[in-house]
Amino acid sequence: MRTDELLALFREKERTALHGNINQITSVLNARLKIFLSYKIWMLVELLNSVVSIAVYYFFGVMVESEKLEAAGYGTSYLSFALIGIASQTFLWTCVARIAFVLRVELQEGTFEALNATRLKIHNFLFGQSLSGFILSMWFFTSAMLSGIFVLSASLTLTPETIITSIIIIILMILAHIGIGFIAAGGVLILKRGDPIVAVFAVLTQFLSGVLFPLEVLPPELEAVAKALPFTYALRSLRFALLTERPISDPTIIHDIIFCGIFAIALIPLGIWFFGKAHNYAKTRGTTGHY
């Protein structure tokens, strides 16, 4: 860089906070997407893994009584029921586990301390990492759904209205859980060991939210716990939209959207606040350079 360019850079007026944050997030997102797209074989293997998983549950569905699904309002096809649950769980893992995983890798490789020395805000870095994960999750979700429809003849209703409804539900599903991801990342900064807790939380959420079976088969005590999880409501509305073609104006879907929205409004600020406190704690103790 020439001297005049360097001086012009120093003379440049400070950009607005919003513009600067968006630039930082999109820069991280662009970098991560370039890395993802460079591993083409890995992407194909993951796609194949999704197809194989769906095929396994296709045969598992033969043993499930269709009457129980129909009584819960999900139609009679277990394959379609399980397909939506399996495809959607990638978003849950991205929200809850990805931020903590990325932070752990940065700490292990010793690059997190270097990030702290730059103008890049750490929460913008993590948001950018998350966005790249969501795009990858959308790729797997779409691939799994199309594989189920065209390879295994899953009976899903894909109309402009159901697709728009599904997109809205998925966005709210992500927003309702991203705050939990920031809390998990804060735990990694403080404890230097948060992955097992995050994994247990994600697995329990998948189990209780009914990824592979309707909630009605759970004992009343566990069903009560399941109804306190936002993933339960997002998954229910997604299935109602794609399996029974319920519109977004359906009372149940409106209820579920409001529930996920409340979680998002409460958990995103809480997660960012907690991560900020954990980050300051780690910097004060000088532990940002190791895991």
C-alpha atoms as a PDB file:
ATOM      1  CA  MET A   1       0.000   0.000   0.000  1.00  0.00           C
ATOM      2  CA  ARG A   2       1.379   3.412  -1.029  1.00  0.00           C
ATOM      3  CA  THR A   3       1.924   6.171   1.532  1.00  0.00           C
ATOM      4  CA  ASP A   4      -0.832   8.384   0.095  1.00  0.00           C
ATOM      5  CA  GLU A   5      -3.314   5.478   0.252  1.00  0.00           C
ATOM      6  CA  LEU A   6      -2.366   4.801   3.859  1.00  0.00           C
ATOM      7  CA  LEU A   7      -2.810   8.462   4.799  1.00  0.00           C
ATOM      8  CA  ALA A   8      -6.181   8.558   3.029  1.00  0.00           C
ATOM      9  CA  LEU A   9      -7.220   5.527   5.050  1.00  0.00           C
ATOM     10  CA  PHE A  10      -6.397   7.283   8.308  1.00  0.00           C
ATOM     11  CA  ARG A  11      -8.202  10.429   7.190  1.00  0.00           C
ATOM     12  CA  GLU A  12     -11.346   8.502   6.256  1.00  0.00           C
ATOM     13  CA  LYS A  13     -14.309   9.421   8.412  1.00  0.00           C
ATOM     14  CA  GLU A  14     -15.625   6.818  10.795  1.00  0.00           C
ATOM     15  CA  ARG A  15     -18.529   4.941   9.262  1.00  0.00           C
ATOM     16  CA  THR A  16     -21.814   4.550  11.072  1.00  0.00           C
ATOM     17  CA  ALA A  17     -21.988   1.719  13.583  1.00  0.00           C
ATOM     18  CA  LEU A  18     -24.687  -0.112  11.620  1.00  0.00           C
ATOM     19  CA  HIS A  19     -22.790   0.102   8.336  1.00  0.00           C
ATOM     20  CA  GLY A  20     -19.598  -1.053   9.999  1.00  0.00           C
ATOM     21  CA  ASN A  21     -21.301  -3.993  11.722  1.00  0.00           C
ATOM     22  CA  ILE A  22     -22.932  -5.156   8.499  1.00  0.00           C
ATOM     23  CA  ASN A  23     -19.604  -4.936   6.645  1.00  0.00           C
ATOM     24  CA  GLN A  24     -17.859  -6.997   9.316  1.00  0.00           C
ATOM     25  CA  ILE A  25     -20.573  -9.669   9.375  1.00  0.00           C
ATOM     26  CA  THR A  26     -20.750  -9.986   5.580  1.00  0.00           C
ATOM     27  CA  SER A  27     -16.932 -10.128   5.317  1.00  0.00           C
ATOM     28  CA  VAL A  28     -16.794 -13.070   7.735  1.00  0.00           C
ATOM     29  CA  LEU A  29     -19.713 -14.709   5.914  1.00  0.00           C
ATOM     30  CA  ASN A  30     -17.992 -14.313   2.537  1.00  0.00           C
ATOM     31  CA  ALA A  31     -14.761 -15.817   3.872  1.00  0.00           C
ATOM     32  CA  ARG A  32     -16.542 -18.834   5.377  1.00  0.00           C
ATOM     33  CA  LEU A  33     -18.562 -19.484   2.204  1.00  0.00           C
ATOM     34  CA  LYS A  34     -15.386 -19.518   0.131  1.00  0.00           C
ATOM     35  CA  ILE A  35     -13.933 -22.137   2.480  1.00  0.00           C
ATOM     36  CA  PHE A  36     -17.123 -24.239   2.420  1.00  0.00           C
ATOM     37  CA  LEU A  37     -17.383 -24.186  -1.361  1.00  0.00           C
ATOM     38  CA  SER A  38     -13.763 -25.267  -1.725  1.00  0.00           C
ATOM     39  CA  TYR A  39     -14.586 -28.618  -0.062  1.00  0.00           C
ATOM     40  CA  LYS A  40     -16.892 -29.970  -2.789  1.00  0.00           C
ATOM     41  CA  ILE A  41     -16.378 -33.652  -1.936  1.00  0.00           C
ATOM     42  CA  TRP A  42     -17.247 -33.016   1.715  1.00  0.00           C
ATOM     43  CA  MET A  43     -20.475 -31.291   0.687  1.00  0.00           C
ATOM     44  CA  LEU A  44     -21.431 -34.218  -1.554  1.00  0.00           C
ATOM     45  CA  VAL A  45     -20.647 -36.732   1.209  1.00  0.00           C
ATOM     46  CA  GLU A  46     -22.810 -34.809   3.676  1.00  0.00           C
ATOM     47  CA  LEU A  47     -25.619 -34.711   1.131  1.00  0.00           C
ATOM     48  CA  LEU A  48     -25.304 -38.457   0.599  1.00  0.00           C
ATOM     49  CA  ASN A  49     -25.393 -38.952   4.365  1.00  0.00           C
ATOM     50  CA  SER A  50     -28.695 -37.051   4.513  1.00  0.00           C
ATOM     51  CA  VAL A  51     -30.205 -39.230   1.790  1.00  0.00           C
ATOM     52  CA  VAL A  52     -29.074 -42.410   3.571  1.00  0.00           C
ATOM     53  CA  SER A  53     -30.558 -41.186   6.874  1.00  0.00           C
ATOM     54  CA  ILE A  54     -33.887 -40.518   5.200  1.00  0.00           C
ATOM     55  CA  ALA A  55     -33.836 -43.979   3.623  1.00  0.00           C
ATOM     56  CA  VAL A  56     -33.241 -45.565   7.035  1.00  0.00           C
ATOM     57  CA  TYR A  57     -36.262 -43.807   8.510  1.00  0.00           C
ATOM     58  CA  TYR A  58     -38.281 -44.790   5.470  1.00  0.00           C
ATOM     59  CA  PHE A  59     -37.947 -48.423   6.520  1.00  0.00           C
ATOM     60  CA  PHE A  60     -38.337 -47.496  10.195  1.00  0.00           C
ATOM     61  CA  GLY A  61     -41.656 -45.879   9.315  1.00  0.00           C
ATOM     62  CA  VAL A  62     -43.110 -49.266   8.396  1.00  0.00           C
ATOM     63  CA  MET A  63     -43.207 -50.084  12.118  1.00  0.00           C
ATOM     64  CA  VAL A  64     -44.981 -46.871  13.174  1.00  0.00           C
ATOM     65  CA  GLU A  65     -48.751 -46.857  13.486  1.00  0.00           C
ATOM     66  CA  SER A  66     -50.181 -44.289  11.104  1.00  0.00           C
ATOM     67  CA  GLU A  67     -53.229 -43.871  13.367  1.00  0.00           C
ATOM     68  CA  LYS A  68     -51.115 -42.077  15.981  1.00  0.00           C
ATOM     69  CA  LEU A  69     -49.791 -39.617  13.416  1.00  0.00           C
ATOM     70  CA  GLU A  70     -53.263 -38.982  12.066  1.00  0.00           C
ATOM     71  CA  ALA A  71     -54.646 -38.437  15.574  1.00  0.00           C
ATOM     72  CA  ALA A  72     -51.949 -35.788  16.156  1.00  0.00           C
ATOM     73  CA  GLY A  73     -52.948 -33.995  12.952  1.00  0.00           C
ATOM     74  CA  TYR A  74     -49.905 -34.892  10.837  1.00  0.00           C
ATOM     75  CA  GLY A  75     -51.510 -37.139   8.231  1.00  0.00           C
ATOM     76  CA  THR A  76     -50.641 -40.815   7.835  1.00  0.00           C
ATOM     77  CA  SER A  77     -47.139 -40.808   6.306  1.00  0.00           C
ATOM     78  CA  TYR A  78     -44.388 -41.385   8.850  1.00  0.00           C
ATOM     79  CA  LEU A  79     -41.732 -40.824   6.167  1.00  0.00           C
ATOM     80  CA  SER A  80     -42.983 -37.280   5.536  1.00  0.00           C
ATOM     81  CA  PHE A  81     -43.309 -36.666   9.283  1.00  0.00           C
ATOM     82  CA  ALA A  82     -39.748 -37.837  10.030  1.00  0.00           C
ATOM     83  CA  LEU A  83     -38.327 -36.155   6.926  1.00  0.00           C
ATOM     84  CA  ILE A  84     -39.299 -32.687   8.180  1.00  0.00           C
ATOM     85  CA  GLY A  85     -37.905 -33.430  11.643  1.00  0.00           C
ATOM     86  CA  ILE A  86     -34.590 -34.785  10.363  1.00  0.00           C
ATOM     87  CA  ALA A  87     -34.110 -31.956   7.863  1.00  0.00           C
ATOM     88  CA  SER A  88     -35.008 -29.260  10.424  1.00  0.00           C
ATOM     89  CA  GLN A  89     -32.657 -30.464  13.138  1.00  0.00           C
ATOM     90  CA  THR A  90     -29.680 -29.121  11.160  1.00  0.00           C
ATOM     91  CA  PHE A  91     -30.876 -25.591  11.994  1.00  0.00           C
ATOM     92  CA  LEU A  92     -31.044 -26.475  15.689  1.00  0.00           C
ATOM     93  CA  TRP A  93     -27.461 -27.727  15.706  1.00  0.00           C
ATOM     94  CA  THR A  94     -26.266 -24.678  13.788  1.00  0.00           C
ATOM     95  CA  CYS A  95     -27.952 -22.291  16.233  1.00  0.00           C
ATOM     96  CA  VAL A  96     -26.999 -24.006  19.465  1.00  0.00           C
ATOM     97  CA  ALA A  97     -23.654 -25.651  18.711  1.00  0.00           C
ATOM     98  CA  ARG A  98     -21.960 -23.786  15.842  1.00  0.00           C
ATOM     99  CA  ILE A  99     -21.011 -20.586  17.679  1.00  0.00           C
ATOM    100  CA  ALA A 100     -19.515 -22.541  20.580  1.00  0.00           C
ATOM    101  CA  PHE A 101     -17.703 -24.858  18.144  1.00  0.00           C
ATOM    102  CA  VAL A 102     -16.225 -21.968  16.135  1.00  0.00           C
ATOM    103  CA  LEU A 103     -15.089 -20.245  19.321  1.00  0.00           C
ATOM    104  CA  ARG A 104     -13.493 -23.442  20.628  1.00  0.00           C
ATOM    105  CA  VAL A 105     -11.544 -23.877  17.373  1.00  0.00           C
ATOM    106  CA  GLU A 106     -10.316 -20.263  17.496  1.00  0.00           C
ATOM    107  CA  LEU A 107      -9.184 -20.749  21.102  1.00  0.00           C
ATOM    108  CA  GLN A 108      -7.464 -24.054  20.367  1.00  0.00           C
ATOM    109  CA  GLU A 109      -5.616 -22.649  17.368  1.00  0.00           C
ATOM    110  CA  GLY A 110      -4.594 -19.527  19.283  1.00  0.00           C
ATOM    111  CA  THR A 111      -6.246 -17.126  16.813  1.00  0.00           C
ATOM    112  CA  PHE A 112      -8.953 -15.775  19.117  1.00  0.00           C
ATOM    113  CA  GLU A 113      -6.509 -13.501  20.930  1.00  0.00           C
ATOM    114  CA  ALA A 114      -5.362 -12.097  17.580  1.00  0.00           C
ATOM    115  CA  LEU A 115      -8.995 -11.383  16.661  1.00  0.00           C
ATOM    116  CA  ASN A 116      -9.309  -9.315  19.816  1.00  0.00           C
ATOM    117  CA  ALA A 117      -6.494  -7.077  18.605  1.00  0.00           C
ATOM    118  CA  THR A 118      -8.344  -6.140  15.392  1.00  0.00           C
ATOM    119  CA  ARG A 119     -11.215  -3.707  14.775  1.00  0.00           C
ATOM    120  CA  LEU A 120     -13.518  -6.659  14.152  1.00  0.00           C
ATOM    121  CA  LYS A 121     -16.136  -6.932  16.884  1.00  0.00           C
ATOM    122  CA  ILE A 122     -16.246 -10.457  18.247  1.00  0.00           C
ATOM    123  CA  HIS A 123     -20.031 -10.731  18.211  1.00  0.00           C
ATOM    124  CA  ASN A 124     -20.021  -9.632  14.539  1.00  0.00           C
ATOM    125  CA  PHE A 125     -17.455 -12.345  13.827  1.00  0.00           C
ATOM    126  CA  LEU A 126     -19.684 -14.944  15.467  1.00  0.00           C
ATOM    127  CA  PHE A 127     -22.797 -13.659  13.667  1.00  0.00           C
ATOM    128  CA  GLY A 128     -20.962 -13.978  10.351  1.00  0.00           C
ATOM    129  CA  GLN A 129     -19.877 -17.508  11.209  1.00  0.00           C
ATOM    130  CA  SER A 130     -23.466 -18.365  12.116  1.00  0.00           C
ATOM    131  CA  LEU A 131     -24.852 -16.977   8.861  1.00  0.00           C
ATOM    132  CA  SER A 132     -22.518 -19.198   6.859  1.00  0.00           C
ATOM    133  CA  GLY A 133     -23.723 -22.145   8.920  1.00  0.00           C
ATOM    134  CA  PHE A 134     -27.358 -21.247   8.265  1.00  0.00           C
ATOM    135  CA  ILE A 135     -26.766 -21.101   4.511  1.00  0.00           C
ATOM    136  CA  LEU A 136     -25.125 -24.523   4.670  1.00  0.00           C
ATOM    137  CA  SER A 137     -28.019 -25.826   6.787  1.00  0.00           C
ATOM    138  CA  MET A 138     -30.495 -24.490   4.224  1.00  0.00           C
ATOM    139  CA  TRP A 139     -28.576 -26.367   1.539  1.00  0.00           C
ATOM    140  CA  PHE A 140     -28.850 -29.637   3.477  1.00  0.00           C
ATOM    141  CA  PHE A 141     -32.498 -28.957   4.399  1.00  0.00           C
ATOM    142  CA  THR A 142     -33.471 -28.322   0.777  1.00  0.00           C
ATOM    143  CA  SER A 143     -31.460 -31.304  -0.485  1.00  0.00           C
ATOM    144  CA  ALA A 144     -32.986 -33.635   2.100  1.00  0.00           C
ATOM    145  CA  MET A 145     -36.514 -32.463   1.319  1.00  0.00           C
ATOM    146  CA  LEU A 146     -36.046 -32.836  -2.446  1.00  0.00           C
ATOM    147  CA  SER A 147     -34.466 -36.256  -1.997  1.00  0.00           C
ATOM    148  CA  GLY A 148     -37.401 -37.380   0.132  1.00  0.00           C
ATOM    149  CA  ILE A 149     -39.920 -36.102  -2.396  1.00  0.00           C
ATOM    150  CA  PHE A 150     -38.356 -37.302  -5.646  1.00  0.00           C
ATOM    151  CA  VAL A 151     -36.474 -40.409  -4.475  1.00  0.00           C
ATOM    152  CA  LEU A 152     -38.719 -41.798  -1.727  1.00  0.00           C
ATOM    153  CA  SER A 153     -42.027 -40.221  -2.836  1.00  0.00           C
ATOM    154  CA  ALA A 154     -42.668 -38.363   0.435  1.00  0.00           C
ATOM    155  CA  SER A 155     -46.074 -36.694   0.415  1.00  0.00           C
ATOM    156  CA  LEU A 156     -45.332 -33.011   1.083  1.00  0.00           C
ATOM    157  CA  THR A 157     -47.422 -30.069  -0.066  1.00  0.00           C
ATOM    158  CA  LEU A 158     -45.227 -27.513  -1.814  1.00  0.00           C
ATOM    159  CA  THR A 159     -47.178 -24.456  -2.900  1.00  0.00           C
ATOM    160  CA  PRO A 160     -46.121 -20.795  -2.877  1.00  0.00           C
ATOM    161  CA  GLU A 161     -48.115 -20.277   0.341  1.00  0.00           C
ATOM    162  CA  THR A 162     -46.690 -23.302   2.190  1.00  0.00           C
ATOM    163  CA  ILE A 163     -43.151 -22.429   1.065  1.00  0.00           C
ATOM    164  CA  ILE A 164     -43.474 -18.830   2.302  1.00  0.00           C
ATOM    165  CA  THR A 165     -44.987 -20.054   5.575  1.00  0.00           C
ATOM    166  CA  SER A 166     -42.135 -22.547   5.994  1.00  0.00           C
ATOM    167  CA  ILE A 167     -39.481 -19.891   5.349  1.00  0.00           C
ATOM    168  CA  ILE A 168     -41.038 -17.597   7.978  1.00  0.00           C
ATOM    169  CA  ILE A 169     -41.148 -20.449  10.493  1.00  0.00           C
ATOM    170  CA  ILE A 170     -37.518 -21.432   9.801  1.00  0.00           C
ATOM    171  CA  ILE A 171     -36.338 -17.825  10.262  1.00  0.00           C
ATOM    172  CA  LEU A 172     -38.177 -17.603  13.593  1.00  0.00           C
ATOM    173  CA  MET A 173     -36.802 -21.028  14.566  1.00  0.00           C
ATOM    174  CA  ILE A 174     -33.279 -19.694  13.996  1.00  0.00           C
ATOM    175  CA  LEU A 175     -33.916 -16.428  15.846  1.00  0.00           C
ATOM    176  CA  ALA A 176     -35.451 -18.274  18.798  1.00  0.00           C
ATOM    177  CA  HIS A 177     -32.286 -20.363  19.277  1.00  0.00           C
ATOM    178  CA  ILE A 178     -29.386 -18.092  18.261  1.00  0.00           C
ATOM    179  CA  GLY A 179     -29.364 -16.488  21.709  1.00  0.00           C
ATOM    180  CA  ILE A 180     -28.811 -19.928  23.245  1.00  0.00           C
ATOM    181  CA  GLY A 181     -25.796 -20.293  20.959  1.00  0.00           C
ATOM    182  CA  PHE A 182     -24.275 -17.073  22.313  1.00  0.00           C
ATOM    183  CA  ILE A 183     -24.887 -18.240  25.880  1.00  0.00           C
ATOM    184  CA  ALA A 184     -23.143 -21.532  25.045  1.00  0.00           C
ATOM    185  CA  ALA A 185     -20.211 -19.616  23.536  1.00  0.00           C
ATOM    186  CA  GLY A 186     -19.965 -17.520  26.696  1.00  0.00           C
ATOM    187  CA  GLY A 187     -19.822 -20.745  28.691  1.00  0.00           C
ATOM    188  CA  VAL A 188     -16.915 -21.952  26.549  1.00  0.00           C
ATOM    189  CA  LEU A 189     -15.020 -18.701  27.216  1.00  0.00           C
ATOM    190  CA  ILE A 190     -15.480 -19.023  30.970  1.00  0.00           C
ATOM    191  CA  LEU A 191     -15.240 -22.787  31.510  1.00  0.00           C
ATOM    192  CA  LYS A 192     -13.042 -23.665  28.503  1.00  0.00           C
ATOM    193  CA  ARG A 193     -15.172 -26.783  28.218  1.00  0.00           C
ATOM    194  CA  GLY A 194     -18.730 -26.375  27.013  1.00  0.00           C
ATOM    195  CA  ASP A 195     -19.197 -28.800  24.112  1.00  0.00           C
ATOM    196  CA  PRO A 196     -20.590 -31.743  26.141  1.00  0.00           C
ATOM    197  CA  ILE A 197     -23.247 -29.509  27.735  1.00  0.00           C
ATOM    198  CA  VAL A 198     -24.217 -28.055  24.353  1.00  0.00           C
ATOM    199  CA  ALA A 199     -24.419 -31.522  22.793  1.00  0.00           C
ATOM    200  CA  VAL A 200     -26.618 -32.864  25.598  1.00  0.00           C
ATOM    201  CA  PHE A 201     -28.934 -29.848  25.339  1.00  0.00           C
ATOM    202  CA  ALA A 202     -29.258 -30.239  21.557  1.00  0.00           C
ATOM    203  CA  VAL A 203     -29.934 -33.995  21.750  1.00  0.00           C
ATOM    204  CA  LEU A 204     -32.520 -33.578  24.515  1.00  0.00           C
ATOM    205  CA  THR A 205     -34.214 -30.812  22.540  1.00  0.00           C
ATOM    206  CA  GLN A 206     -34.394 -33.043  19.485  1.00  0.00           C
ATOM    207  CA  PHE A 207     -35.805 -35.895  21.534  1.00  0.00           C
ATOM    208  CA  LEU A 208     -38.384 -33.897  23.448  1.00  0.00           C
ATOM    209  CA  SER A 209     -39.473 -31.751  20.488  1.00  0.00           C
ATOM    210  CA  GLY A 210     -40.608 -34.781  18.531  1.00  0.00           C
ATOM    211  CA  VAL A 211     -38.127 -35.013  15.667  1.00  0.00           C
ATOM    212  CA  LEU A 212     -38.946 -38.696  15.151  1.00  0.00           C
ATOM    213  CA  PHE A 213     -42.305 -39.142  16.886  1.00  0.00           C
ATOM    214  CA  PRO A 214     -45.370 -37.078  17.841  1.00  0.00           C
ATOM    215  CA  LEU A 215     -45.352 -35.538  21.321  1.00  0.00           C
ATOM    216  CA  GLU A 216     -48.510 -37.419  22.207  1.00  0.00           C
ATOM    217  CA  VAL A 217     -46.502 -40.617  22.771  1.00  0.00           C
ATOM    218  CA  LEU A 218     -44.454 -38.981  25.563  1.00  0.00           C
ATOM    219  CA  PRO A 219     -45.383 -39.288  29.247  1.00  0.00           C
ATOM    220  CA  PRO A 220     -47.299 -36.210  30.505  1.00  0.00           C
ATOM    221  CA  GLU A 221     -44.284 -34.992  32.527  1.00  0.00           C
ATOM    222  CA  LEU A 222     -41.954 -35.002  29.503  1.00  0.00           C
ATOM    223  CA  GLU A 223     -44.638 -33.548  27.270  1.00  0.00           C
ATOM    224  CA  ALA A 224     -44.884 -30.586  29.661  1.00  0.00           C
ATOM    225  CA  VAL A 225     -41.121 -30.027  29.355  1.00  0.00           C
ATOM    226  CA  ALA A 226     -41.342 -30.305  25.557  1.00  0.00           C
ATOM    227  CA  LYS A 227     -43.961 -27.556  25.464  1.00  0.00           C
ATOM    228  CA  ALA A 228     -41.456 -25.151  27.025  1.00  0.00           C
ATOM    229  CA  LEU A 229     -39.039 -25.533  24.077  1.00  0.00           C
ATOM    230  CA  PRO A 230     -39.319 -23.233  21.028  1.00  0.00           C
ATOM    231  CA  PHE A 231     -38.153 -25.994  18.674  1.00  0.00           C
ATOM    232  CA  THR A 232     -41.320 -27.941  19.552  1.00  0.00           C
ATOM    233  CA  TYR A 233     -43.547 -25.178  18.220  1.00  0.00           C
ATOM    234  CA  ALA A 234     -41.437 -24.412  15.154  1.00  0.00           C
ATOM    235  CA  LEU A 235     -41.380 -28.081  14.181  1.00  0.00           C
ATOM    236  CA  ARG A 236     -45.122 -28.463  14.736  1.00  0.00           C
ATOM    237  CA  SER A 237     -45.999 -25.492  12.531  1.00  0.00           C
ATOM    238  CA  LEU A 238     -43.540 -26.576   9.843  1.00  0.00           C
ATOM    239  CA  ARG A 239     -45.213 -29.978   9.714  1.00  0.00           C
ATOM    240  CA  PHE A 240     -48.711 -28.510   9.693  1.00  0.00           C
ATOM    241  CA  ALA A 241     -47.751 -26.267   6.771  1.00  0.00           C
ATOM    242  CA  LEU A 242     -46.031 -28.942   4.657  1.00  0.00           C
ATOM    243  CA  LEU A 243     -48.146 -31.975   5.580  1.00  0.00           C
ATOM    244  CA  THR A 244     -51.674 -30.588   5.921  1.00  0.00           C
ATOM    245  CA  GLU A 245     -51.341 -27.305   3.960  1.00  0.00           C
ATOM    246  CA  ARG A 246     -52.426 -25.116   6.857  1.00  0.00           C
ATOM    247  CA  PRO A 247     -52.084 -21.398   6.010  1.00  0.00           C
ATOM    248  CA  ILE A 248     -50.053 -18.936   8.025  1.00  0.00           C
ATOM    249  CA  SER A 249     -53.358 -17.514   9.322  1.00  0.00           C
ATOM    250  CA  ASP A 250     -54.123 -20.821  11.065  1.00  0.00           C
ATOM    251  CA  PRO A 251     -54.570 -20.175  14.848  1.00  0.00           C
ATOM    252  CA  THR A 252     -52.088 -22.895  15.817  1.00  0.00           C
ATOM    253  CA  ILE A 253     -49.403 -21.572  13.470  1.00  0.00           C
ATOM    254  CA  ILE A 254     -49.994 -17.993  14.656  1.00  0.00           C
ATOM    255  CA  HIS A 255     -49.633 -19.206  18.268  1.00  0.00           C
ATOM    256  CA  ASP A 256     -46.380 -20.989  17.449  1.00  0.00           C
ATOM    257  CA  ILE A 257     -44.976 -17.981  15.566  1.00  0.00           C
ATOM    258  CA  ILE A 258     -45.734 -15.695  18.512  1.00  0.00           C
ATOM    259  CA  PHE A 259     -44.138 -18.178  20.926  1.00  0.00           C
ATOM    260  CA  CYS A 260     -40.924 -18.368  18.855  1.00  0.00           C
ATOM    261  CA  GLY A 261     -40.921 -14.573  18.490  1.00  0.00           C
ATOM    262  CA  ILE A 262     -41.108 -14.115  22.263  1.00  0.00           C
ATOM    263  CA  PHE A 263     -38.167 -16.468  22.709  1.00  0.00           C
ATOM    264  CA  ALA A 264     -36.163 -14.561  20.085  1.00  0.00           C
ATOM    265  CA  ILE A 265     -36.871 -11.164  21.668  1.00  0.00           C
ATOM    266  CA  ALA A 266     -35.884 -12.470  25.097  1.00  0.00           C
ATOM    267  CA  LEU A 267     -32.890 -14.682  24.286  1.00  0.00           C
ATOM    268  CA  ILE A 268     -30.974 -12.720  21.633  1.00  0.00           C
ATOM    269  CA  PRO A 269     -30.243  -9.681  23.882  1.00  0.00           C
ATOM    270  CA  LEU A 270     -29.654 -12.004  26.843  1.00  0.00           C
ATOM    271  CA  GLY A 271     -27.231 -14.141  24.843  1.00  0.00           C
ATOM    272  CA  ILE A 272     -25.259 -11.169  23.507  1.00  0.00           C
ATOM    273  CA  TRP A 273     -25.141  -9.615  26.997  1.00  0.00           C
ATOM    274  CA  PHE A 274     -23.933 -12.853  28.588  1.00  0.00           C
ATOM    275  CA  PHE A 275     -21.309 -13.403  25.897  1.00  0.00           C
ATOM    276  CA  GLY A 276     -20.074  -9.819  26.377  1.00  0.00           C
ATOM    277  CA  LYS A 277     -19.697 -10.409  30.121  1.00  0.00           C
ATOM    278  CA  ALA A 278     -17.908 -13.712  29.496  1.00  0.00           C
ATOM    279  CA  HIS A 279     -15.622 -12.053  26.935  1.00  0.00           C
ATOM    280  CA  ASN A 280     -14.671  -9.286  29.370  1.00  0.00           C
ATOM    281  CA  TYR A 281     -14.105 -11.907  32.084  1.00  0.00           C
ATOM    282  CA  ALA A 282     -11.756 -13.876  29.827  1.00  0.00           C
ATOM    283  CA  LYS A 283      -9.819 -10.740  28.801  1.00  0.00           C
ATOM    284  CA  THR A 284      -9.480  -9.658  32.443  1.00  0.00           C
ATOM    285  CA  ARG A 285      -8.055 -13.055  33.412  1.00  0.00           C
ATOM    286  CA  GLY A 286      -5.872 -13.229  30.306  1.00  0.00           C
ATOM    287  CA  THR A 287      -7.363 -16.517  29.067  1.00  0.00           C
ATOM    288  CA  THR A 288      -8.297 -15.526  25.504  1.00  0.00           C
ATOM    289  CA  GLY A 289      -5.146 -17.117  24.093  1.00  0.00           C
ATOM    290  CA  HIS A 290      -5.713 -20.753  25.049  1.00  0.00           C
ATOM    291  CA  TYR A 291      -8.384 -23.412  25.518  1.00  0.00           C
END
